[in-house]
Amino acid sequence: MGLKHADITAILGPVDETLMAELLATGATAGELAEAIAWVNNDEALIGEGRHLPAGRVAALIDILTPDNEEERNFEL
């Protein structure tokens, strides 16, 4: 089942409407959002564990959650 507003808020805390809409539009699940956050926060460790690089909805979420610069981030990971 896809993400709901409550899922996003529970995982990321308050986010702006634009980010909320982008995340909802991916059709991802709460588990995929949690996995994307793990990659954003610690990709080197996950690669070191031998995990495959993310693809599909997880990769799309990572693109959304990774701003061009840190000042653009609307939430804390």
PDB file of N, CA and C in Angstrom:
ATOM      1  N   MET A   1       0.843  -1.180   0.000  1.00  0.00           N
ATOM      2  CA  MET A   1       0.000   0.000   0.000  1.00  0.00           C
ATOM      3  C   MET A   1       0.889   1.244   0.000  1.00  0.00           C
ATOM      4  N   GLY A   2       0.506   2.257  -0.757  1.00  0.00           N
ATOM      5  CA  GLY A   2       1.317   3.451  -0.903  1.00  0.00           C
ATOM      6  C   GLY A   2       1.358   4.328   0.336  1.00  0.00           C
ATOM      7  N   LEU A   3       2.307   5.227   0.322  1.00  0.00           N
ATOM      8  CA  LEU A   3       2.487   6.171   1.422  1.00  0.00           C
ATOM      9  C   LEU A   3       1.234   7.009   1.652  1.00  0.00           C
ATOM     10  N   LYS A   4       1.034   7.356   2.891  1.00  0.00           N
ATOM     11  CA  LYS A   4      -0.024   8.275   3.300  1.00  0.00           C
ATOM     12  C   LYS A   4       0.646   9.470   3.983  1.00  0.00           C
ATOM     13  N   HIS A   5      -0.087  10.562   4.099  1.00  0.00           N
ATOM     14  CA  HIS A   5       0.443  11.747   4.785  1.00  0.00           C
ATOM     15  C   HIS A   5       0.980  11.374   6.163  1.00  0.00           C
ATOM     16  N   ALA A   6       0.215  10.570   6.888  1.00  0.00           N
ATOM     17  CA  ALA A   6       0.613  10.192   8.249  1.00  0.00           C
ATOM     18  C   ALA A   6       1.912   9.397   8.261  1.00  0.00           C
ATOM     19  N   ASP A   7       2.126   8.541   7.250  1.00  0.00           N
ATOM     20  CA  ASP A   7       3.375   7.766   7.164  1.00  0.00           C
ATOM     21  C   ASP A   7       4.565   8.706   7.012  1.00  0.00           C
ATOM     22  N   ILE A   8       4.436   9.651   6.108  1.00  0.00           N
ATOM     23  CA  ILE A   8       5.537  10.577   5.832  1.00  0.00           C
ATOM     24  C   ILE A   8       5.842  11.417   7.063  1.00  0.00           C
ATOM     25  N   THR A   9       4.809  11.931   7.695  1.00  0.00           N
ATOM     26  CA  THR A   9       5.003  12.744   8.892  1.00  0.00           C
ATOM     27  C   THR A   9       5.616  11.926  10.022  1.00  0.00           C
ATOM     28  N   ALA A  10       5.194  10.681  10.157  1.00  0.00           N
ATOM     29  CA  ALA A  10       5.741   9.821  11.214  1.00  0.00           C
ATOM     30  C   ALA A  10       7.221   9.524  10.976  1.00  0.00           C
ATOM     31  N   ILE A  11       7.612   9.400   9.724  1.00  0.00           N
ATOM     32  CA  ILE A  11       8.995   9.044   9.397  1.00  0.00           C
ATOM     33  C   ILE A  11       9.898  10.273   9.336  1.00  0.00           C
ATOM     34  N   LEU A  12       9.421  11.347   8.700  1.00  0.00           N
ATOM     35  CA  LEU A  12      10.261  12.530   8.473  1.00  0.00           C
ATOM     36  C   LEU A  12       9.949  13.695   9.385  1.00  0.00           C
ATOM     37  N   GLY A  13       8.812  13.659  10.045  1.00  0.00           N
ATOM     38  CA  GLY A  13       8.365  14.836  10.776  1.00  0.00           C
ATOM     39  C   GLY A  13       7.664  15.770   9.804  1.00  0.00           C
ATOM     40  N   PRO A  14       7.375  16.977  10.222  1.00  0.00           N
ATOM     41  CA  PRO A  14       6.667  17.916   9.345  1.00  0.00           C
ATOM     42  C   PRO A  14       7.491  18.238   8.097  1.00  0.00           C
ATOM     43  N   VAL A  15       6.835  18.195   6.952  1.00  0.00           N
ATOM     44  CA  VAL A  15       7.479  18.567   5.685  1.00  0.00           C
ATOM     45  C   VAL A  15       6.556  19.528   4.946  1.00  0.00           C
ATOM     46  N   ASP A  16       7.124  20.275   4.008  1.00  0.00           N
ATOM     47  CA  ASP A  16       6.284  21.215   3.275  1.00  0.00           C
ATOM     48  C   ASP A  16       5.405  20.471   2.262  1.00  0.00           C
ATOM     49  N   GLU A  17       4.412  21.181   1.753  1.00  0.00           N
ATOM     50  CA  GLU A  17       3.419  20.583   0.850  1.00  0.00           C
ATOM     51  C   GLU A  17       4.045  20.057  -0.441  1.00  0.00           C
ATOM     52  N   THR A  18       5.053  20.761  -0.946  1.00  0.00           N
ATOM     53  CA  THR A  18       5.702  20.336  -2.188  1.00  0.00           C
ATOM     54  C   THR A  18       6.393  18.992  -2.002  1.00  0.00           C
ATOM     55  N   LEU A  19       7.174  18.866  -0.937  1.00  0.00           N
ATOM     56  CA  LEU A  19       7.859  17.612  -0.670  1.00  0.00           C
ATOM     57  C   LEU A  19       6.844  16.503  -0.416  1.00  0.00           C
ATOM     58  N   MET A  20       5.800  16.789   0.333  1.00  0.00           N
ATOM     59  CA  MET A  20       4.759  15.805   0.605  1.00  0.00           C
ATOM     60  C   MET A  20       4.178  15.289  -0.708  1.00  0.00           C
ATOM     61  N   ALA A  21       3.842  16.186  -1.611  1.00  0.00           N
ATOM     62  CA  ALA A  21       3.256  15.798  -2.892  1.00  0.00           C
ATOM     63  C   ALA A  21       4.218  14.954  -3.721  1.00  0.00           C
ATOM     64  N   GLU A  22       5.486  15.332  -3.732  1.00  0.00           N
ATOM     65  CA  GLU A  22       6.480  14.569  -4.492  1.00  0.00           C
ATOM     66  C   GLU A  22       6.619  13.153  -3.944  1.00  0.00           C
ATOM     67  N   LEU A  23       6.656  13.028  -2.628  1.00  0.00           N
ATOM     68  CA  LEU A  23       6.792  11.713  -2.014  1.00  0.00           C
ATOM     69  C   LEU A  23       5.559  10.857  -2.273  1.00  0.00           C
ATOM     70  N   LEU A  24       4.379  11.430  -2.132  1.00  0.00           N
ATOM     71  CA  LEU A  24       3.145  10.686  -2.388  1.00  0.00           C
ATOM     72  C   LEU A  24       3.047  10.236  -3.838  1.00  0.00           C
ATOM     73  N   ALA A  25       3.531  11.061  -4.762  1.00  0.00           N
ATOM     74  CA  ALA A  25       3.443  10.763  -6.189  1.00  0.00           C
ATOM     75  C   ALA A  25       4.281   9.555  -6.609  1.00  0.00           C
ATOM     76  N   THR A  26       5.256   9.172  -5.794  1.00  0.00           N
ATOM     77  CA  THR A  26       6.092   8.027  -6.161  1.00  0.00           C
ATOM     78  C   THR A  26       5.351   6.709  -6.062  1.00  0.00           C
ATOM     79  N   GLY A  27       4.299   6.658  -5.254  1.00  0.00           N
ATOM     80  CA  GLY A  27       3.588   5.405  -5.042  1.00  0.00           C
ATOM     81  C   GLY A  27       4.343   4.447  -4.131  1.00  0.00           C
ATOM     82  N   ALA A  28       5.385   4.940  -3.481  1.00  0.00           N
ATOM     83  CA  ALA A  28       6.223   4.116  -2.615  1.00  0.00           C
ATOM     84  C   ALA A  28       5.491   3.741  -1.334  1.00  0.00           C
ATOM     85  N   THR A  29       6.039   2.748  -0.646  1.00  0.00           N
ATOM     86  CA  THR A  29       5.511   2.332   0.644  1.00  0.00           C
ATOM     87  C   THR A  29       6.327   2.979   1.762  1.00  0.00           C
ATOM     88  N   ALA A  30       5.824   2.865   2.984  1.00  0.00           N
ATOM     89  CA  ALA A  30       6.561   3.380   4.138  1.00  0.00           C
ATOM     90  C   ALA A  30       7.903   2.661   4.269  1.00  0.00           C
ATOM     91  N   GLY A  31       7.936   1.382   3.987  1.00  0.00           N
ATOM     92  CA  GLY A  31       9.189   0.626   4.041  1.00  0.00           C
ATOM     93  C   GLY A  31      10.204   1.131   3.024  1.00  0.00           C
ATOM     94  N   GLU A  32       9.728   1.460   1.837  1.00  0.00           N
ATOM     95  CA  GLU A  32      10.630   2.001   0.812  1.00  0.00           C
ATOM     96  C   GLU A  32      11.148   3.372   1.219  1.00  0.00           C
ATOM     97  N   LEU A  33      10.301   4.186   1.845  1.00  0.00           N
ATOM     98  CA  LEU A  33      10.759   5.489   2.332  1.00  0.00           C
ATOM     99  C   LEU A  33      11.825   5.304   3.407  1.00  0.00           C
ATOM    100  N   ALA A  34      11.606   4.381   4.317  1.00  0.00           N
ATOM    101  CA  ALA A  34      12.601   4.115   5.363  1.00  0.00           C
ATOM    102  C   ALA A  34      13.917   3.631   4.755  1.00  0.00           C
ATOM    103  N   GLU A  35      13.838   2.787   3.740  1.00  0.00           N
ATOM    104  CA  GLU A  35      15.053   2.310   3.073  1.00  0.00           C
ATOM    105  C   GLU A  35      15.777   3.461   2.380  1.00  0.00           C
ATOM    106  N   ALA A  36      15.028   4.336   1.728  1.00  0.00           N
ATOM    107  CA  ALA A  36      15.636   5.486   1.052  1.00  0.00           C
ATOM    108  C   ALA A  36      16.352   6.379   2.056  1.00  0.00           C
ATOM    109  N   ILE A  37      15.745   6.594   3.211  1.00  0.00           N
ATOM    110  CA  ILE A  37      16.376   7.412   4.237  1.00  0.00           C
ATOM    111  C   ILE A  37      17.665   6.761   4.725  1.00  0.00           C
ATOM    112  N   ALA A  38      17.659   5.447   4.872  1.00  0.00           N
ATOM    113  CA  ALA A  38      18.877   4.736   5.273  1.00  0.00           C
ATOM    114  C   ALA A  38      19.980   4.958   4.253  1.00  0.00           C
ATOM    115  N   TRP A  39      19.639   4.922   2.976  1.00  0.00           N
ATOM    116  CA  TRP A  39      20.635   5.164   1.935  1.00  0.00           C
ATOM    117  C   TRP A  39      21.143   6.600   1.974  1.00  0.00           C
ATOM    118  N   VAL A  40      20.248   7.550   2.141  1.00  0.00           N
ATOM    119  CA  VAL A  40      20.644   8.965   2.174  1.00  0.00           C
ATOM    120  C   VAL A  40      21.588   9.220   3.346  1.00  0.00           C
ATOM    121  N   ASN A  41      21.301   8.603   4.481  1.00  0.00           N
ATOM    122  CA  ASN A  41      22.093   8.844   5.684  1.00  0.00           C
ATOM    123  C   ASN A  41      23.399   8.064   5.735  1.00  0.00           C
ATOM    124  N   ASN A  42      23.483   6.933   5.069  1.00  0.00           N
ATOM    125  CA  ASN A  42      24.657   6.080   5.274  1.00  0.00           C
ATOM    126  C   ASN A  42      24.912   5.166   4.082  1.00  0.00           C
ATOM    127  N   ASP A  43      25.023   5.716   2.888  1.00  0.00           N
ATOM    128  CA  ASP A  43      25.179   4.883   1.705  1.00  0.00           C
ATOM    129  C   ASP A  43      26.472   4.079   1.700  1.00  0.00           C
ATOM    130  N   GLU A  44      27.543   4.623   2.237  1.00  0.00           N
ATOM    131  CA  GLU A  44      28.811   3.899   2.234  1.00  0.00           C
ATOM    132  C   GLU A  44      28.735   2.610   3.051  1.00  0.00           C
ATOM    133  N   ALA A  45      28.083   2.661   4.194  1.00  0.00           N
ATOM    134  CA  ALA A  45      27.950   1.465   5.024  1.00  0.00           C
ATOM    135  C   ALA A  45      27.097   0.412   4.326  1.00  0.00           C
ATOM    136  N   LEU A  46      26.028   0.834   3.662  1.00  0.00           N
ATOM    137  CA  LEU A  46      25.172  -0.126   2.974  1.00  0.00           C
ATOM    138  C   LEU A  46      25.895  -0.768   1.793  1.00  0.00           C
ATOM    139  N   ILE A  47      26.680   0.015   1.091  1.00  0.00           N
ATOM    140  CA  ILE A  47      27.476  -0.538  -0.007  1.00  0.00           C
ATOM    141  C   ILE A  47      28.510  -1.500   0.558  1.00  0.00           C
ATOM    142  N   GLY A  48      29.114  -1.128   1.692  1.00  0.00           N
ATOM    143  CA  GLY A  48      30.100  -1.988   2.348  1.00  0.00           C
ATOM    144  C   GLY A  48      29.508  -3.313   2.786  1.00  0.00           C
ATOM    145  N   GLU A  49      28.209  -3.340   3.073  1.00  0.00           N
ATOM    146  CA  GLU A  49      27.533  -4.579   3.445  1.00  0.00           C
ATOM    147  C   GLU A  49      27.218  -5.436   2.229  1.00  0.00           C
ATOM    148  N   GLY A  50      27.516  -4.917   1.044  1.00  0.00           N
ATOM    149  CA  GLY A  50      27.263  -5.677  -0.172  1.00  0.00           C
ATOM    150  C   GLY A  50      25.866  -5.489  -0.733  1.00  0.00           C
ATOM    151  N   ARG A  51      25.157  -4.492  -0.256  1.00  0.00           N
ATOM    152  CA  ARG A  51      23.812  -4.250  -0.761  1.00  0.00           C
ATOM    153  C   ARG A  51      23.878  -3.656  -2.158  1.00  0.00           C
ATOM    154  N   HIS A  52      22.925  -4.051  -2.973  1.00  0.00           N
ATOM    155  CA  HIS A  52      22.829  -3.507  -4.325  1.00  0.00           C
ATOM    156  C   HIS A  52      22.363  -2.065  -4.253  1.00  0.00           C
ATOM    157  N   LEU A  53      22.797  -1.275  -5.201  1.00  0.00           N
ATOM    158  CA  LEU A  53      22.360   0.110  -5.250  1.00  0.00           C
ATOM    159  C   LEU A  53      20.853   0.145  -5.458  1.00  0.00           C
ATOM    160  N   PRO A  54      20.191   1.097  -4.846  1.00  0.00           N
ATOM    161  CA  PRO A  54      18.735   1.156  -4.955  1.00  0.00           C
ATOM    162  C   PRO A  54      18.276   1.445  -6.373  1.00  0.00           C
ATOM    163  N   ALA A  55      17.094   0.943  -6.671  1.00  0.00           N
ATOM    164  CA  ALA A  55      16.490   1.164  -7.981  1.00  0.00           C
ATOM    165  C   ALA A  55      15.004   1.427  -7.773  1.00  0.00           C
ATOM    166  N   GLY A  56      14.312   1.747  -8.821  1.00  0.00           N
ATOM    167  CA  GLY A  56      12.868   1.917  -8.775  1.00  0.00           C
ATOM    168  C   GLY A  56      12.432   3.035  -7.854  1.00  0.00           C
ATOM    169  N   ARG A  57      11.399   2.745  -7.046  1.00  0.00           N
ATOM    170  CA  ARG A  57      10.819   3.768  -6.183  1.00  0.00           C
ATOM    171  C   ARG A  57      11.792   4.234  -5.108  1.00  0.00           C
ATOM    172  N   VAL A  58      12.635   3.333  -4.604  1.00  0.00           N
ATOM    173  CA  VAL A  58      13.614   3.731  -3.583  1.00  0.00           C
ATOM    174  C   VAL A  58      14.591   4.745  -4.179  1.00  0.00           C
ATOM    175  N   ALA A  59      15.042   4.489  -5.397  1.00  0.00           N
ATOM    176  CA  ALA A  59      15.949   5.433  -6.060  1.00  0.00           C
ATOM    177  C   ALA A  59      15.253   6.773  -6.301  1.00  0.00           C
ATOM    178  N   ALA A  60      13.986   6.737  -6.674  1.00  0.00           N
ATOM    179  CA  ALA A  60      13.232   7.981  -6.890  1.00  0.00           C
ATOM    180  C   ALA A  60      13.108   8.760  -5.586  1.00  0.00           C
ATOM    181  N   LEU A  61      12.851   8.058  -4.494  1.00  0.00           N
ATOM    182  CA  LEU A  61      12.763   8.717  -3.191  1.00  0.00           C
ATOM    183  C   LEU A  61      14.097   9.343  -2.801  1.00  0.00           C
ATOM    184  N   ILE A  62      15.189   8.634  -3.057  1.00  0.00           N
ATOM    185  CA  ILE A  62      16.516   9.171  -2.743  1.00  0.00           C
ATOM    186  C   ILE A  62      16.752  10.465  -3.515  1.00  0.00           C
ATOM    187  N   ASP A  63      16.366  10.495  -4.786  1.00  0.00           N
ATOM    188  CA  ASP A  63      16.517  11.715  -5.581  1.00  0.00           C
ATOM    189  C   ASP A  63      15.728  12.872  -4.971  1.00  0.00           C
ATOM    190  N   ILE A  64      14.532  12.587  -4.496  1.00  0.00           N
ATOM    191  CA  ILE A  64      13.693  13.621  -3.891  1.00  0.00           C
ATOM    192  C   ILE A  64      14.282  14.086  -2.560  1.00  0.00           C
ATOM    193  N   LEU A  65      14.808  13.144  -1.781  1.00  0.00           N
ATOM    194  CA  LEU A  65      15.301  13.459  -0.436  1.00  0.00           C
ATOM    195  C   LEU A  65      16.702  14.047  -0.414  1.00  0.00           C
ATOM    196  N   THR A  66      17.396  14.015  -1.541  1.00  0.00           N
ATOM    197  CA  THR A  66      18.765  14.525  -1.615  1.00  0.00           C
ATOM    198  C   THR A  66      18.757  15.855  -2.367  1.00  0.00           C
ATOM    199  N   PRO A  67      18.757  16.959  -1.640  1.00  0.00           N
ATOM    200  CA  PRO A  67      18.748  18.267  -2.297  1.00  0.00           C
ATOM    201  C   PRO A  67      20.088  18.555  -2.972  1.00  0.00           C
ATOM    202  N   ASP A  68      20.060  19.520  -3.863  1.00  0.00           N
ATOM    203  CA  ASP A  68      21.296  19.929  -4.535  1.00  0.00           C
ATOM    204  C   ASP A  68      22.295  20.490  -3.539  1.00  0.00           C
ATOM    205  N   ASN A  69      21.795  21.123  -2.475  1.00  0.00           N
ATOM    206  CA  ASN A  69      22.676  21.558  -1.394  1.00  0.00           C
ATOM    207  C   ASN A  69      21.921  21.396  -0.078  1.00  0.00           C
ATOM    208  N   GLU A  70      22.637  21.290   0.997  1.00  0.00           N
ATOM    209  CA  GLU A  70      22.056  20.998   2.306  1.00  0.00           C
ATOM    210  C   GLU A  70      21.078  22.065   2.787  1.00  0.00           C
ATOM    211  N   GLU A  71      21.246  23.308   2.331  1.00  0.00           N
ATOM    212  CA  GLU A  71      20.368  24.375   2.783  1.00  0.00           C
ATOM    213  C   GLU A  71      18.948  24.227   2.251  1.00  0.00           C
ATOM    214  N   GLU A  72      18.766  23.456   1.173  1.00  0.00           N
ATOM    215  CA  GLU A  72      17.448  23.270   0.593  1.00  0.00           C
ATOM    216  C   GLU A  72      16.634  22.224   1.343  1.00  0.00           C
ATOM    217  N   ARG A  73      17.239  21.437   2.179  1.00  0.00           N
ATOM    218  CA  ARG A  73      16.525  20.348   2.870  1.00  0.00           C
ATOM    219  C   ARG A  73      15.468  20.936   3.793  1.00  0.00           C
ATOM    220  N   ASN A  74      14.249  20.387   3.707  1.00  0.00           N
ATOM    221  CA  ASN A  74      13.116  20.891   4.477  1.00  0.00           C
ATOM    222  C   ASN A  74      12.824  20.055   5.703  1.00  0.00           C
ATOM    223  N   PHE A  75      13.720  19.157   6.070  1.00  0.00           N
ATOM    224  CA  PHE A  75      13.508  18.248   7.187  1.00  0.00           C
ATOM    225  C   PHE A  75      14.845  17.738   7.652  1.00  0.00           C
ATOM    226  N   GLU A  76      14.873  17.109   8.802  1.00  0.00           N
ATOM    227  CA  GLU A  76      16.096  16.501   9.321  1.00  0.00           C
ATOM    228  C   GLU A  76      16.006  14.995   9.149  1.00  0.00           C
ATOM    229  N   LEU A  77      17.063  14.402   8.640  1.00  0.00           N
ATOM    230  CA  LEU A  77      17.112  12.936   8.521  1.00  0.00           C
ATOM    231  C   LEU A  77      17.800  12.349   9.718  1.00  0.00           C
TER     232      LEU A  77
END
